[in-house]
N, C-alpha and C. Protein backbone atom coordinates (compact mmCIF):
# COMPACT_ATOMS: atom_id res chain seq x y z
N UNK A 1 -3.80 17.56 -2.98
CA UNK A 1 -3.36 16.36 -2.30
C UNK A 1 -4.56 15.41 -2.15
N UNK A 2 -4.22 14.13 -2.09
CA UNK A 2 -5.24 13.08 -2.04
C UNK A 2 -4.88 12.07 -0.96
N UNK A 3 -5.89 11.51 -0.32
CA UNK A 3 -5.70 10.35 0.54
C UNK A 3 -6.08 9.15 -0.30
N UNK A 4 -5.15 8.22 -0.42
CA UNK A 4 -5.33 7.06 -1.30
C UNK A 4 -5.28 5.79 -0.46
N UNK A 5 -6.22 4.87 -0.73
CA UNK A 5 -6.21 3.56 -0.11
C UNK A 5 -6.09 2.52 -1.21
N UNK A 6 -5.12 1.63 -1.03
CA UNK A 6 -4.89 0.52 -1.96
C UNK A 6 -5.01 -0.78 -1.20
N UNK A 7 -5.39 -1.84 -1.89
CA UNK A 7 -5.40 -3.17 -1.28
C UNK A 7 -4.67 -4.15 -2.19
N UNK A 8 -4.09 -5.15 -1.57
CA UNK A 8 -3.46 -6.25 -2.31
C UNK A 8 -3.89 -7.55 -1.64
N UNK A 9 -4.66 -8.34 -2.37
CA UNK A 9 -5.09 -9.65 -1.89
C UNK A 9 -4.16 -10.71 -2.48
N UNK A 10 -4.15 -11.86 -1.85
CA UNK A 10 -3.35 -12.97 -2.35
C UNK A 10 -2.08 -13.23 -1.56
N UNK A 11 -1.74 -12.34 -0.65
CA UNK A 11 -0.55 -12.54 0.20
C UNK A 11 -0.85 -13.71 1.14
N UNK A 12 0.08 -14.65 1.28
CA UNK A 12 -0.15 -15.73 2.24
C UNK A 12 -0.41 -15.18 3.65
N UNK A 13 -1.43 -15.72 4.32
CA UNK A 13 -1.85 -15.20 5.62
C UNK A 13 -0.72 -15.16 6.65
N UNK A 14 0.15 -16.14 6.60
CA UNK A 14 1.24 -16.18 7.58
C UNK A 14 2.30 -15.10 7.35
N UNK A 15 2.31 -14.50 6.17
CA UNK A 15 3.28 -13.45 5.85
C UNK A 15 2.69 -12.04 5.95
N UNK A 16 1.38 -11.93 6.00
CA UNK A 16 0.72 -10.64 5.94
C UNK A 16 1.10 -9.64 7.02
N UNK A 17 1.00 -10.01 8.30
CA UNK A 17 1.29 -9.02 9.34
C UNK A 17 2.72 -8.49 9.29
N UNK A 18 3.68 -9.35 9.09
CA UNK A 18 5.08 -8.92 9.01
C UNK A 18 5.31 -8.07 7.76
N UNK A 19 4.70 -8.46 6.65
CA UNK A 19 4.83 -7.68 5.41
C UNK A 19 4.28 -6.27 5.61
N UNK A 20 3.16 -6.14 6.31
CA UNK A 20 2.57 -4.82 6.55
C UNK A 20 3.54 -3.93 7.34
N UNK A 21 4.15 -4.48 8.36
CA UNK A 21 5.13 -3.71 9.15
C UNK A 21 6.31 -3.30 8.30
N UNK A 22 6.84 -4.23 7.50
CA UNK A 22 8.00 -3.94 6.67
C UNK A 22 7.68 -2.92 5.57
N UNK A 23 6.49 -2.99 5.01
CA UNK A 23 6.09 -2.05 3.96
C UNK A 23 5.94 -0.65 4.55
N UNK A 24 5.36 -0.55 5.74
CA UNK A 24 5.27 0.75 6.40
C UNK A 24 6.67 1.33 6.59
N UNK A 25 7.61 0.50 7.06
CA UNK A 25 8.99 0.95 7.23
C UNK A 25 9.60 1.38 5.89
N UNK A 26 9.34 0.64 4.85
CA UNK A 26 9.87 0.94 3.51
C UNK A 26 9.39 2.31 3.03
N UNK A 27 8.15 2.64 3.30
CA UNK A 27 7.60 3.91 2.83
C UNK A 27 8.14 5.12 3.60
N UNK A 28 8.84 4.91 4.69
CA UNK A 28 9.49 6.03 5.38
C UNK A 28 10.56 6.64 4.50
N UNK A 29 11.10 5.85 3.57
CA UNK A 29 12.14 6.34 2.64
C UNK A 29 11.54 6.88 1.35
N UNK A 30 10.25 6.83 1.22
CA UNK A 30 9.54 7.33 0.03
C UNK A 30 8.70 8.54 0.45
N UNK A 31 9.39 9.60 0.83
CA UNK A 31 8.75 10.74 1.48
C UNK A 31 7.80 11.52 0.57
N UNK A 32 7.82 11.26 -0.71
CA UNK A 32 6.89 11.93 -1.62
C UNK A 32 5.46 11.42 -1.42
N UNK A 33 5.31 10.32 -0.70
CA UNK A 33 3.99 9.83 -0.28
C UNK A 33 3.97 9.97 1.25
N UNK A 34 3.19 10.90 1.76
CA UNK A 34 3.21 11.22 3.19
C UNK A 34 2.28 10.31 3.99
N UNK A 35 2.61 10.15 5.25
CA UNK A 35 1.75 9.45 6.21
C UNK A 35 1.36 8.05 5.75
N UNK A 36 2.26 7.37 5.07
CA UNK A 36 1.95 6.02 4.56
C UNK A 36 1.95 5.00 5.71
N UNK A 37 0.91 4.21 5.71
CA UNK A 37 0.83 3.12 6.68
C UNK A 37 0.18 1.91 6.00
N UNK A 38 0.79 0.77 6.22
CA UNK A 38 0.28 -0.48 5.66
C UNK A 38 -0.23 -1.34 6.81
N UNK A 39 -1.39 -1.93 6.60
CA UNK A 39 -2.02 -2.79 7.61
C UNK A 39 -2.41 -4.12 6.98
N UNK A 40 -2.43 -5.14 7.80
CA UNK A 40 -2.97 -6.43 7.41
C UNK A 40 -4.42 -6.46 7.84
N UNK A 41 -5.34 -6.50 6.88
CA UNK A 41 -6.78 -6.49 7.16
C UNK A 41 -7.40 -7.76 6.61
N UNK A 42 -7.84 -8.62 7.50
CA UNK A 42 -8.48 -9.88 7.14
C UNK A 42 -7.58 -10.71 6.24
N UNK A 43 -7.70 -10.57 4.93
CA UNK A 43 -6.89 -11.38 4.02
C UNK A 43 -6.16 -10.53 2.99
N UNK A 44 -5.90 -9.26 3.34
CA UNK A 44 -5.29 -8.36 2.36
C UNK A 44 -4.39 -7.33 3.05
N UNK A 45 -3.40 -6.88 2.30
CA UNK A 45 -2.62 -5.72 2.72
C UNK A 45 -3.38 -4.48 2.29
N UNK A 46 -3.45 -3.49 3.18
CA UNK A 46 -4.08 -2.22 2.84
C UNK A 46 -3.06 -1.12 3.09
N UNK A 47 -2.79 -0.33 2.07
CA UNK A 47 -1.88 0.81 2.19
C UNK A 47 -2.70 2.09 2.09
N UNK A 48 -2.48 3.00 3.02
CA UNK A 48 -3.10 4.31 2.97
C UNK A 48 -1.99 5.34 3.03
N UNK A 49 -2.07 6.35 2.16
CA UNK A 49 -1.05 7.40 2.13
C UNK A 49 -1.64 8.67 1.56
N UNK A 50 -0.98 9.78 1.84
CA UNK A 50 -1.32 11.07 1.26
C UNK A 50 -0.35 11.32 0.12
N UNK A 51 -0.87 11.73 -1.03
CA UNK A 51 -0.04 11.88 -2.22
C UNK A 51 -0.66 12.90 -3.17
N UNK A 52 0.15 13.35 -4.12
CA UNK A 52 -0.36 14.23 -5.19
C UNK A 52 -0.93 13.40 -6.35
N UNK A 53 -0.85 12.10 -6.25
CA UNK A 53 -1.25 11.15 -7.28
C UNK A 53 -2.77 11.03 -7.34
N UNK A 54 -3.43 11.73 -8.27
CA UNK A 54 -4.88 11.82 -8.29
C UNK A 54 -5.60 10.52 -8.65
N UNK A 55 -4.90 9.55 -9.22
CA UNK A 55 -5.53 8.28 -9.59
C UNK A 55 -4.99 7.08 -8.81
N UNK A 56 -3.95 7.30 -8.04
CA UNK A 56 -3.38 6.23 -7.24
C UNK A 56 -2.41 5.33 -7.99
N UNK A 57 -2.13 5.63 -9.25
CA UNK A 57 -1.26 4.74 -10.05
C UNK A 57 0.19 4.74 -9.58
N UNK A 58 0.73 5.93 -9.30
CA UNK A 58 2.12 6.00 -8.85
C UNK A 58 2.29 5.31 -7.50
N UNK A 59 1.33 5.53 -6.62
CA UNK A 59 1.39 4.87 -5.32
C UNK A 59 1.26 3.36 -5.48
N UNK A 60 0.40 2.91 -6.38
CA UNK A 60 0.24 1.47 -6.62
C UNK A 60 1.54 0.85 -7.14
N UNK A 61 2.23 1.56 -8.01
CA UNK A 61 3.52 1.06 -8.53
C UNK A 61 4.53 0.93 -7.39
N UNK A 62 4.59 1.91 -6.53
CA UNK A 62 5.53 1.85 -5.42
C UNK A 62 5.11 0.81 -4.38
N UNK A 63 3.82 0.62 -4.19
CA UNK A 63 3.32 -0.43 -3.32
C UNK A 63 3.75 -1.79 -3.85
N UNK A 64 3.63 -1.97 -5.15
CA UNK A 64 4.06 -3.21 -5.79
C UNK A 64 5.55 -3.47 -5.55
N UNK A 65 6.36 -2.44 -5.71
CA UNK A 65 7.81 -2.58 -5.47
C UNK A 65 8.09 -2.95 -4.02
N UNK A 66 7.39 -2.31 -3.10
CA UNK A 66 7.59 -2.59 -1.68
C UNK A 66 7.16 -4.02 -1.34
N UNK A 67 6.05 -4.46 -1.91
CA UNK A 67 5.60 -5.85 -1.68
C UNK A 67 6.65 -6.83 -2.20
N UNK A 68 7.18 -6.56 -3.38
CA UNK A 68 8.20 -7.45 -3.94
C UNK A 68 9.44 -7.52 -3.06
N UNK A 69 9.78 -6.40 -2.43
CA UNK A 69 10.95 -6.37 -1.56
C UNK A 69 10.68 -7.04 -0.21
N UNK A 70 9.44 -7.02 0.24
CA UNK A 70 9.12 -7.47 1.60
C UNK A 70 8.48 -8.85 1.68
N UNK A 71 7.97 -9.36 0.57
CA UNK A 71 7.35 -10.70 0.54
C UNK A 71 8.17 -11.56 -0.41
N UNK A 72 8.98 -12.44 0.15
CA UNK A 72 9.91 -13.21 -0.68
C UNK A 72 9.27 -14.43 -1.33
N UNK A 73 8.19 -14.93 -0.76
CA UNK A 73 7.52 -16.09 -1.34
C UNK A 73 6.64 -15.67 -2.51
N UNK A 74 6.63 -16.46 -3.59
CA UNK A 74 5.76 -16.12 -4.71
C UNK A 74 4.28 -16.28 -4.34
N UNK A 75 3.44 -15.45 -4.93
CA UNK A 75 2.01 -15.52 -4.70
C UNK A 75 1.29 -14.88 -5.88
N UNK A 76 0.02 -15.21 -6.03
CA UNK A 76 -0.81 -14.58 -7.04
C UNK A 76 -1.65 -13.52 -6.35
N UNK A 77 -1.53 -12.31 -6.80
CA UNK A 77 -2.29 -11.23 -6.19
C UNK A 77 -2.36 -10.04 -7.13
N UNK A 78 -3.16 -9.09 -6.74
CA UNK A 78 -3.32 -7.88 -7.54
C UNK A 78 -3.52 -6.70 -6.62
N UNK A 79 -3.05 -5.56 -7.05
CA UNK A 79 -3.24 -4.32 -6.31
C UNK A 79 -4.42 -3.57 -6.92
N UNK A 80 -5.33 -3.17 -6.06
CA UNK A 80 -6.51 -2.42 -6.50
C UNK A 80 -6.57 -1.09 -5.77
N UNK A 81 -6.99 -0.06 -6.49
CA UNK A 81 -7.23 1.23 -5.87
C UNK A 81 -8.61 1.14 -5.21
N UNK A 82 -8.62 1.23 -3.91
CA UNK A 82 -9.87 1.12 -3.16
C UNK A 82 -10.57 2.47 -3.03
N UNK A 83 -9.76 3.53 -2.86
CA UNK A 83 -10.37 4.85 -2.67
C UNK A 83 -9.34 5.95 -2.92
N UNK A 84 -9.79 7.02 -3.55
CA UNK A 84 -9.00 8.25 -3.71
C UNK A 84 -9.90 9.41 -3.33
N UNK A 85 -9.49 10.18 -2.33
CA UNK A 85 -10.30 11.30 -1.85
C UNK A 85 -9.43 12.55 -1.84
N UNK A 86 -9.90 13.59 -2.51
CA UNK A 86 -9.20 14.88 -2.48
C UNK A 86 -9.34 15.44 -1.06
N UNK A 87 -8.23 15.85 -0.48
CA UNK A 87 -8.24 16.33 0.89
C UNK A 87 -9.19 17.52 1.06
N UNK A 88 -9.29 18.38 0.08
CA UNK A 88 -10.19 19.54 0.18
C UNK A 88 -11.67 19.12 0.22
N UNK A 89 -11.97 17.87 -0.16
CA UNK A 89 -13.34 17.37 -0.14
C UNK A 89 -13.74 16.81 1.22
N UNK A 90 -12.79 16.71 2.14
CA UNK A 90 -13.09 16.14 3.47
C UNK A 90 -13.75 17.15 4.37
């Protein structure tokens, strides 16, 4: 298992806090990624979750889907894998 942190910049500042709450709620239905929480940090959404996804790609794809569902206004942004840590390494 891995703890994965992703970030997405480019979300309009006025939409960020609400999007973070909605994305956290959305991940409650995606139980294959445990303990998922999305936060609005400065100018970016940050998602942290526990997953079997060793590179963060599957989580990034699902984060993208959740952002699309929760942020209705168009924006230019990208999702980046900020950190992947094997739980046994903690």
